[in-house]
N, C-alpha and C. Protein backbone atom coordinates (compact mmCIF):
# COMPACT_ATOMS: atom_id res chain seq x y z
N MET A 1 -8.10 29.24 -9.64
CA MET A 1 -8.15 28.38 -10.26
C MET A 1 -9.78 27.85 -10.36
N SER A 2 -10.36 28.35 -11.18
CA SER A 2 -11.67 27.73 -11.66
C SER A 2 -12.39 26.07 -11.23
N GLU A 3 -13.89 26.56 -10.69
CA GLU A 3 -14.38 25.04 -9.95
C GLU A 3 -14.91 24.41 -11.04
N LYS A 4 -14.40 22.81 -11.38
CA LYS A 4 -14.75 22.55 -12.09
C LYS A 4 -16.43 21.40 -12.00
N ASP A 5 -16.77 20.86 -12.54
CA ASP A 5 -18.42 20.83 -12.36
C ASP A 5 -18.05 19.18 -12.63
N THR A 6 -19.22 18.46 -12.14
CA THR A 6 -19.17 16.65 -12.33
C THR A 6 -18.66 15.99 -13.66
N GLU A 7 -19.61 17.31 -14.55
CA GLU A 7 -18.88 16.55 -15.27
C GLU A 7 -17.61 16.15 -16.01
N GLN A 8 -17.41 17.49 -15.72
CA GLN A 8 -16.05 17.61 -16.55
C GLN A 8 -14.73 16.75 -15.85
N LEU A 9 -14.93 16.50 -14.14
CA LEU A 9 -14.13 15.16 -13.79
C LEU A 9 -14.71 14.19 -14.19
N GLN A 10 -15.79 13.56 -14.31
CA GLN A 10 -16.11 12.05 -15.08
C GLN A 10 -15.75 11.88 -15.83
N HIS A 11 -14.96 13.22 -16.75
CA HIS A 11 -14.52 12.83 -18.28
C HIS A 11 -12.87 12.90 -18.36
N GLU A 12 -12.43 13.77 -17.02
CA GLU A 12 -11.23 13.61 -16.78
C GLU A 12 -10.47 11.74 -16.05
N LEU A 13 -11.48 12.02 -15.31
CA LEU A 13 -11.93 10.41 -14.74
C LEU A 13 -11.51 9.68 -16.06
N SER A 14 -12.62 8.91 -16.42
CA SER A 14 -12.80 8.35 -17.73
C SER A 14 -11.42 8.39 -18.85
N SER A 15 -10.41 9.63 -18.60
CA SER A 15 -9.29 9.32 -19.87
C SER A 15 -8.25 9.36 -18.87
N ALA A 16 -8.09 9.69 -17.87
CA ALA A 16 -7.07 9.35 -17.17
C ALA A 16 -6.41 7.55 -17.25
N ASP A 17 -5.13 7.60 -17.13
CA ASP A 17 -4.55 6.03 -16.96
C ASP A 17 -4.31 5.57 -15.96
N THR A 18 -4.65 6.32 -14.81
CA THR A 18 -4.86 5.81 -13.19
C THR A 18 -5.16 7.25 -12.50
N VAL A 19 -6.49 6.12 -11.68
CA VAL A 19 -6.78 7.11 -10.58
C VAL A 19 -5.84 8.00 -9.68
N ASP A 20 -4.53 7.30 -9.56
CA ASP A 20 -4.04 8.24 -9.06
C ASP A 20 -3.55 9.95 -10.13
N GLU A 21 -3.21 8.97 -11.01
CA GLU A 21 -3.11 10.80 -12.09
C GLU A 21 -4.16 11.65 -11.95
N TYR A 22 -5.53 10.92 -11.66
CA TYR A 22 -6.79 12.16 -12.00
C TYR A 22 -6.66 12.62 -10.73
N PHE A 23 -6.73 11.77 -9.28
CA PHE A 23 -6.57 12.68 -7.63
C PHE A 23 -5.78 13.64 -7.63
N ALA A 24 -4.14 13.22 -8.32
CA ALA A 24 -2.80 14.43 -8.33
C ALA A 24 -3.62 15.67 -9.05
N ALA A 25 -4.13 15.41 -10.06
CA ALA A 25 -4.71 16.83 -11.09
C ALA A 25 -5.71 16.96 -10.32
N ASN A 26 -6.62 16.69 -9.43
CA ASN A 26 -7.83 17.72 -9.53
C ASN A 26 -8.67 17.30 -7.61
N GLN A 27 -7.06 16.95 -7.20
CA GLN A 27 -7.13 17.35 -5.76
C GLN A 27 -8.39 18.44 -4.82
N GLU A 28 -7.96 19.66 -5.40
CA GLU A 28 -8.54 21.09 -5.32
C GLU A 28 -9.82 20.80 -5.41
N HIS A 29 -11.00 19.90 -6.29
CA HIS A 29 -12.06 19.69 -6.65
C HIS A 29 -12.08 18.60 -6.03
N MET A 30 -11.85 18.27 -5.07
CA MET A 30 -12.44 17.18 -4.24
C MET A 30 -13.48 17.56 -2.79
N ARG A 31 -14.34 17.50 -2.78
CA ARG A 31 -15.28 17.80 -1.68
C ARG A 31 -15.43 16.74 -0.49
N LYS A 32 -14.42 17.32 0.35
CA LYS A 32 -14.50 16.71 2.26
C LYS A 32 -15.33 16.88 2.88
N CYS A 33 -16.38 17.55 3.08
CA CYS A 33 -16.96 18.56 4.10
C CYS A 33 -18.08 17.42 4.27
N THR A 34 -18.64 17.52 5.40
CA THR A 34 -19.88 16.96 6.37
C THR A 34 -20.61 17.92 6.51
N LEU A 35 -21.95 16.76 6.29
CA LEU A 35 -23.25 18.18 5.76
C LEU A 35 -23.54 19.20 6.87
N THR A 36 -23.21 19.18 7.95
CA THR A 36 -23.08 20.26 9.28
C THR A 36 -21.95 21.09 8.30
N GLU A 37 -21.27 20.75 7.87
CA GLU A 37 -20.24 22.26 7.51
C GLU A 37 -20.96 22.62 6.40
N TYR A 38 -21.42 21.61 5.03
CA TYR A 38 -22.48 22.16 4.49
C TYR A 38 -23.01 22.50 4.61
N LEU A 39 -24.31 22.43 5.53
CA LEU A 39 -25.07 23.98 5.91
C LEU A 39 -24.93 24.81 6.18
N SER A 40 -23.39 24.82 7.36
CA SER A 40 -23.20 26.28 7.60
C SER A 40 -22.78 26.76 6.50
N GLN A 41 -21.67 26.39 5.66
CA GLN A 41 -21.39 27.21 4.26
C GLN A 41 -22.68 27.58 3.77
N LEU A 42 -23.62 26.96 3.57
CA LEU A 42 -24.91 27.59 2.76
C LEU A 42 -26.11 28.78 3.20
N LEU A 43 -25.48 28.57 4.65
CA LEU A 43 -26.40 29.51 5.56
C LEU A 43 -25.60 30.83 5.27
N ALA A 44 -23.96 30.70 5.56
CA ALA A 44 -23.22 31.46 5.52
C ALA A 44 -23.54 32.61 3.75
N GLU A 45 -23.68 31.73 2.66
CA GLU A 45 -23.71 32.25 1.20
C GLU A 45 -25.15 33.08 1.41
N LYS A 46 -25.93 32.20 1.47
CA LYS A 46 -27.33 32.88 1.81
C LYS A 46 -28.11 33.75 2.79
N HIS A 47 -26.59 34.17 3.94
CA HIS A 47 -26.93 35.11 4.63
C HIS A 47 -28.59 34.63 5.59
N LEU A 48 -28.53 33.14 6.31
CA LEU A 48 -29.73 32.90 6.49
C LEU A 48 -28.96 32.42 7.73
N SER A 49 -30.51 32.57 8.99
CA SER A 49 -30.32 32.15 10.03
C SER A 49 -30.98 30.43 10.43
N LYS A 50 -30.64 29.80 11.34
CA LYS A 50 -31.19 28.29 11.38
C LYS A 50 -32.22 28.81 11.67
N LYS A 51 -32.79 29.67 12.99
CA LYS A 51 -34.34 29.89 13.15
C LYS A 51 -35.10 30.16 12.24
N ASP A 52 -34.78 30.63 11.11
CA ASP A 52 -35.72 31.03 10.00
C ASP A 52 -35.79 29.82 9.04
N VAL A 53 -34.81 28.81 8.89
CA VAL A 53 -34.93 27.81 8.42
C VAL A 53 -35.45 27.00 8.65
N ILE A 54 -35.71 27.04 10.24
CA ILE A 54 -36.11 26.00 11.03
C ILE A 54 -37.79 26.06 10.71
N GLU A 55 -38.17 27.46 10.64
CA GLU A 55 -39.74 28.03 10.75
C GLU A 55 -39.96 28.13 9.43
N HIS A 56 -39.47 28.40 8.52
CA HIS A 56 -39.62 28.04 7.03
C HIS A 56 -39.95 26.70 6.19
N ALA A 57 -39.09 25.64 7.11
CA ALA A 57 -38.60 23.91 6.70
C ALA A 57 -40.36 23.39 7.01
N GLU A 58 -40.78 24.20 8.31
CA GLU A 58 -41.90 23.21 8.79
C GLU A 58 -41.47 21.93 9.50
N ILE A 59 -40.70 21.71 10.21
CA ILE A 59 -40.60 21.00 10.70
C ILE A 59 -40.11 20.98 12.09
N ASP A 60 -39.86 19.90 13.12
CA ASP A 60 -39.40 20.03 13.92
C ASP A 60 -38.43 20.08 14.69
N GLU A 61 -39.13 21.69 15.40
CA GLU A 61 -37.18 22.31 16.19
C GLU A 61 -36.17 21.46 16.43
N ILE A 62 -36.48 20.77 17.14
CA ILE A 62 -36.03 19.90 18.25
C ILE A 62 -34.51 19.33 16.36
N TYR A 63 -35.94 18.40 16.59
CA TYR A 63 -35.08 17.54 14.80
C TYR A 63 -34.33 18.01 13.96
N ALA A 64 -34.63 19.44 13.80
CA ALA A 64 -33.44 20.53 12.71
C ALA A 64 -32.73 20.79 13.21
N TYR A 65 -32.65 21.14 14.55
CA TYR A 65 -31.28 21.47 15.43
C TYR A 65 -30.26 20.14 15.57
N HIS A 66 -30.64 19.46 15.81
CA HIS A 66 -29.57 18.04 15.64
C HIS A 66 -28.99 17.47 14.15
N ILE A 67 -29.70 18.25 13.58
CA ILE A 67 -29.55 18.11 12.25
C ILE A 67 -28.02 19.04 11.63
N PHE A 68 -28.37 20.40 11.99
CA PHE A 68 -27.70 21.45 11.79
C PHE A 68 -26.24 21.24 12.93
N ALA A 69 -26.86 20.39 13.98
CA ALA A 69 -25.03 20.41 14.77
C ALA A 69 -24.67 18.90 14.79
N GLY A 70 -25.54 18.23 13.30
CA GLY A 70 -24.77 16.70 13.90
C GLY A 70 -24.95 15.79 14.33
N ARG A 71 -26.34 15.97 14.67
CA ARG A 71 -26.42 14.76 16.13
C ARG A 71 -27.39 13.92 15.54
N LYS A 72 -27.81 13.70 14.43
CA LYS A 72 -28.67 13.22 13.95
C LYS A 72 -28.34 12.64 12.18
N GLN A 73 -27.58 11.41 12.83
CA GLN A 73 -27.05 10.68 11.56
C GLN A 73 -28.16 10.43 10.98
N LYS A 74 -28.18 10.38 9.24
CA LYS A 74 -28.87 9.99 8.26
C LYS A 74 -30.12 10.55 8.54
N PRO A 75 -30.24 11.80 8.60
CA PRO A 75 -31.71 12.93 8.41
C PRO A 75 -32.82 11.64 7.83
N SER A 76 -33.94 12.19 7.40
CA SER A 76 -35.09 11.89 6.69
C SER A 76 -34.92 12.76 5.11
N ARG A 77 -34.76 12.43 4.43
CA ARG A 77 -34.73 12.81 2.47
C ARG A 77 -35.75 14.18 2.78
N ARG A 78 -37.23 13.59 3.61
CA ARG A 78 -38.20 14.92 3.23
C ARG A 78 -37.75 15.64 3.98
N LYS A 79 -36.97 15.71 5.41
CA LYS A 79 -36.65 16.76 6.19
C LYS A 79 -35.66 17.94 5.20
N MET A 80 -35.36 16.67 4.24
CA MET A 80 -33.75 17.38 3.99
C MET A 80 -34.28 18.38 3.01
N ILE A 81 -35.15 17.80 2.34
CA ILE A 81 -36.04 18.57 1.34
C ILE A 81 -36.34 20.29 1.49
N SER A 82 -37.36 19.41 2.51
CA SER A 82 -38.08 21.03 3.16
C SER A 82 -37.34 21.84 3.51
N MET A 83 -36.18 21.52 4.25
CA MET A 83 -34.81 22.51 4.50
C MET A 83 -34.31 23.17 3.16
N ALA A 84 -34.06 22.01 2.29
CA ALA A 84 -33.55 22.90 0.88
C ALA A 84 -34.70 23.95 0.00
N LEU A 85 -35.79 23.42 0.16
CA LEU A 85 -36.98 24.46 -0.23
C LEU A 85 -36.86 25.62 0.66
N ALA A 86 -36.90 25.84 2.49
CA ALA A 86 -36.80 26.86 2.87
C ALA A 86 -35.61 28.04 2.82
N MET A 87 -34.36 27.03 2.42
CA MET A 87 -32.84 27.82 2.25
C MET A 87 -33.24 28.10 0.87
N LYS A 88 -34.18 27.91 -0.57
CA LYS A 88 -34.49 28.97 -1.27
C LYS A 88 -33.40 27.98 -2.17
N LEU A 89 -32.71 26.71 -1.98
CA LEU A 89 -31.55 26.32 -2.58
C LEU A 89 -31.54 26.08 -4.72
N THR A 90 -30.83 25.89 -5.07
CA THR A 90 -31.28 25.55 -6.28
C THR A 90 -31.31 23.99 -6.76
N PRO A 91 -31.74 23.48 -7.11
CA PRO A 91 -31.61 21.57 -7.59
C PRO A 91 -30.51 21.03 -7.62
N LYS A 92 -29.61 21.58 -7.98
CA LYS A 92 -27.64 21.36 -7.86
C LYS A 92 -27.72 21.41 -6.14
N GLU A 93 -27.43 22.60 -6.26
CA GLU A 93 -27.51 22.74 -4.21
C GLU A 93 -28.07 21.47 -3.45
N ALA A 94 -29.69 21.83 -3.66
CA ALA A 94 -30.43 20.37 -3.09
C ALA A 94 -29.67 19.08 -3.46
N GLN A 95 -28.94 19.25 -4.09
CA GLN A 95 -27.97 17.14 -4.51
C GLN A 95 -27.62 17.32 -4.17
N HIS A 96 -26.56 18.59 -3.64
CA HIS A 96 -25.49 18.26 -2.76
C HIS A 96 -26.10 18.43 -1.10
N LEU A 97 -27.17 18.51 -1.17
CA LEU A 97 -26.90 18.39 0.00
C LEU A 97 -27.40 17.25 0.72
N LEU A 98 -28.66 16.44 -0.27
CA LEU A 98 -29.01 15.45 -0.31
C LEU A 98 -27.88 13.86 -0.07
N TYR A 99 -27.17 14.48 -0.90
CA TYR A 99 -26.08 13.90 -0.93
C TYR A 99 -25.09 13.51 0.38
N TYR A 100 -24.39 14.89 1.12
CA TYR A 100 -23.85 14.67 2.24
C TYR A 100 -24.91 14.30 3.52
N ALA A 101 -26.18 14.41 3.44
CA ALA A 101 -27.57 13.83 3.95
C ALA A 101 -26.93 12.40 4.16
N GLY A 102 -26.78 12.18 3.29
CA GLY A 102 -26.57 10.39 2.57
C GLY A 102 -27.80 9.78 2.46
N ALA A 103 -28.69 10.77 1.70
CA ALA A 103 -30.50 11.02 0.76
C ALA A 103 -29.99 10.48 -0.61
N GLU A 104 -30.76 10.01 -0.75
CA GLU A 104 -31.47 9.60 -2.43
C GLU A 104 -31.27 11.09 -2.97
N GLN A 105 -30.55 11.06 -4.18
CA GLN A 105 -30.54 12.46 -4.79
C GLN A 105 -32.22 12.68 -5.47
N LEU A 106 -32.53 13.84 -5.88
CA LEU A 106 -33.42 13.64 -7.03
C LEU A 106 -33.37 13.01 -7.95
N TYR A 107 -34.42 12.43 -9.12
CA TYR A 107 -33.66 11.68 -9.71
C TYR A 107 -35.55 11.97 -10.69
N VAL A 108 -34.92 12.77 -11.59
CA VAL A 108 -36.24 13.27 -12.39
C VAL A 108 -37.27 12.52 -13.45
N ARG A 109 -37.01 11.22 -13.37
CA ARG A 109 -37.92 9.93 -13.54
C ARG A 109 -39.33 9.60 -12.76
N ASN A 110 -38.66 10.00 -12.19
CA ASN A 110 -39.86 9.55 -10.34
C ASN A 110 -41.06 11.10 -10.19
N SER A 111 -42.22 11.00 -10.55
CA SER A 111 -42.60 11.92 -10.61
C SER A 111 -43.07 13.09 -9.09
N TRP A 112 -42.72 12.25 -8.15
CA TRP A 112 -43.08 13.21 -7.05
C TRP A 112 -41.35 14.16 -7.14
N ASP A 113 -39.99 13.20 -7.64
CA ASP A 113 -38.82 14.46 -7.24
C ASP A 113 -39.14 15.14 -8.97
N SER A 114 -39.66 15.29 -9.44
CA SER A 114 -39.76 15.97 -10.50
C SER A 114 -40.37 17.31 -10.54
N ILE A 115 -41.61 16.64 -9.25
CA ILE A 115 -42.53 18.20 -8.67
C ILE A 115 -41.60 19.14 -7.77
N ILE A 116 -40.86 18.42 -6.88
CA ILE A 116 -39.53 18.45 -5.94
C ILE A 116 -39.06 19.56 -6.73
N TRP A 117 -38.09 18.71 -7.71
CA TRP A 117 -37.16 19.70 -8.50
C TRP A 117 -37.52 20.89 -8.84
N HIS A 118 -38.40 20.92 -9.42
CA HIS A 118 -39.44 22.00 -10.02
C HIS A 118 -40.15 23.39 -9.27
N ALA A 119 -40.42 22.92 -8.04
CA ALA A 119 -40.30 23.70 -6.70
C ALA A 119 -39.26 24.50 -6.74
N LEU A 120 -38.00 23.36 -6.57
CA LEU A 120 -36.57 24.37 -6.61
C LEU A 120 -35.97 25.40 -7.35
N GLU A 121 -36.26 25.21 -8.80
CA GLU A 121 -36.47 25.90 -9.33
C GLU A 121 -37.28 27.50 -9.62
N ARG A 122 -38.20 27.05 -8.78
CA ARG A 122 -39.60 28.52 -8.80
C ARG A 122 -39.16 28.78 -7.74
N GLY A 123 -38.63 28.65 -6.79
CA GLY A 123 -38.14 28.82 -5.35
C GLY A 123 -39.57 28.64 -4.23
N LEU A 124 -40.32 27.29 -4.82
CA LEU A 124 -41.65 27.66 -3.85
C LEU A 124 -41.41 27.19 -2.29
N THR A 125 -42.36 27.43 -1.26
CA THR A 125 -42.10 27.42 -0.17
C THR A 125 -42.96 25.89 -0.03
N VAL A 126 -42.83 25.35 1.43
CA VAL A 126 -42.89 24.13 1.48
C VAL A 126 -44.80 23.62 1.68
N GLN A 127 -45.23 24.98 1.83
CA GLN A 127 -46.84 24.51 1.73
C GLN A 127 -46.54 24.77 0.38
N GLU A 128 -46.48 25.91 -0.21
CA GLU A 128 -46.75 25.65 -1.86
C GLU A 128 -46.63 24.44 -2.95
N THR A 129 -45.30 24.33 -2.40
CA THR A 129 -44.88 22.89 -2.62
C THR A 129 -45.63 21.19 -2.35
N ASN A 130 -46.08 21.12 -1.00
CA ASN A 130 -47.27 20.09 -0.89
C ASN A 130 -48.82 20.64 -1.25
N GLU A 131 -48.86 21.94 -1.65
CA GLU A 131 -50.29 22.05 -2.44
C GLU A 131 -49.61 21.61 -3.91
N LEU A 132 -49.04 22.02 -4.29
CA LEU A 132 -48.75 21.09 -5.86
C LEU A 132 -48.96 19.65 -5.66
N LEU A 133 -47.45 19.23 -4.73
CA LEU A 133 -47.88 17.38 -4.82
C LEU A 133 -49.27 17.47 -4.55
N ALA A 134 -50.31 18.03 -3.85
CA ALA A 134 -51.72 17.28 -3.59
C ALA A 134 -52.93 17.12 -4.93
N SER A 135 -51.94 18.71 -5.75
CA SER A 135 -53.10 18.97 -6.73
C SER A 135 -51.91 17.93 -7.82
N LEU A 136 -51.36 17.38 -8.15
CA LEU A 136 -51.36 16.28 -8.66
C LEU A 136 -50.92 15.25 -8.56
N SER A 137 -52.17 15.04 -7.25
CA SER A 137 -52.37 13.42 -6.26
C SER A 137 -50.67 12.70 -6.06
N GLU A 138 -50.16 13.70 -5.50
CA GLU A 138 -48.77 12.59 -4.66
C GLU A 138 -49.97 12.49 -3.49
N THR A 139 -49.31 11.62 -2.66
CA THR A 139 -49.83 11.07 -1.59
C THR A 139 -48.60 11.73 -0.15
N GLU A 140 -46.96 11.71 -0.69
CA GLU A 140 -46.34 11.94 0.68
C GLU A 140 -46.14 13.61 0.25
N PHE A 141 -45.87 14.18 1.43
CA PHE A 141 -45.84 15.27 1.62
C PHE A 141 -44.74 15.85 2.74
N LEU A 142 -44.87 17.02 2.25
CA LEU A 142 -43.10 17.46 3.07
C LEU A 142 -43.74 17.95 4.53
N GLY A 143 -42.20 18.14 5.57
CA GLY A 143 -43.08 18.72 6.32
C GLY A 143 -42.39 17.70 8.05
């Protein structure tokens, strides 16, 4: 069975007579994992090590290991974006990462978020993204 995207699920939910009917038809498409589980899945899919991600994310090692272990509740949005860049996530994968972290997802009408989206699409590093943010007069940086 192929994966349904969010728009397909939204359409089916809008069309369903009851929410029970929707759930019955789409149970296998519901995601019920934790941030730790999603990070583990990404590491495996992308053949990455925690150590390499932490190094490339340019964030505190202890803080990052607490995120990976599930001991950091509600990690910083900027730290999660740094990890997304370090892992070379797509914008869609980064949105899921932010969702599982309990952080606000990227909103392309926000200039800072647009720059991050662009950086994700281009596979920029944290340092390259910070340089881009600075060149466009943004004041918040990653890392």
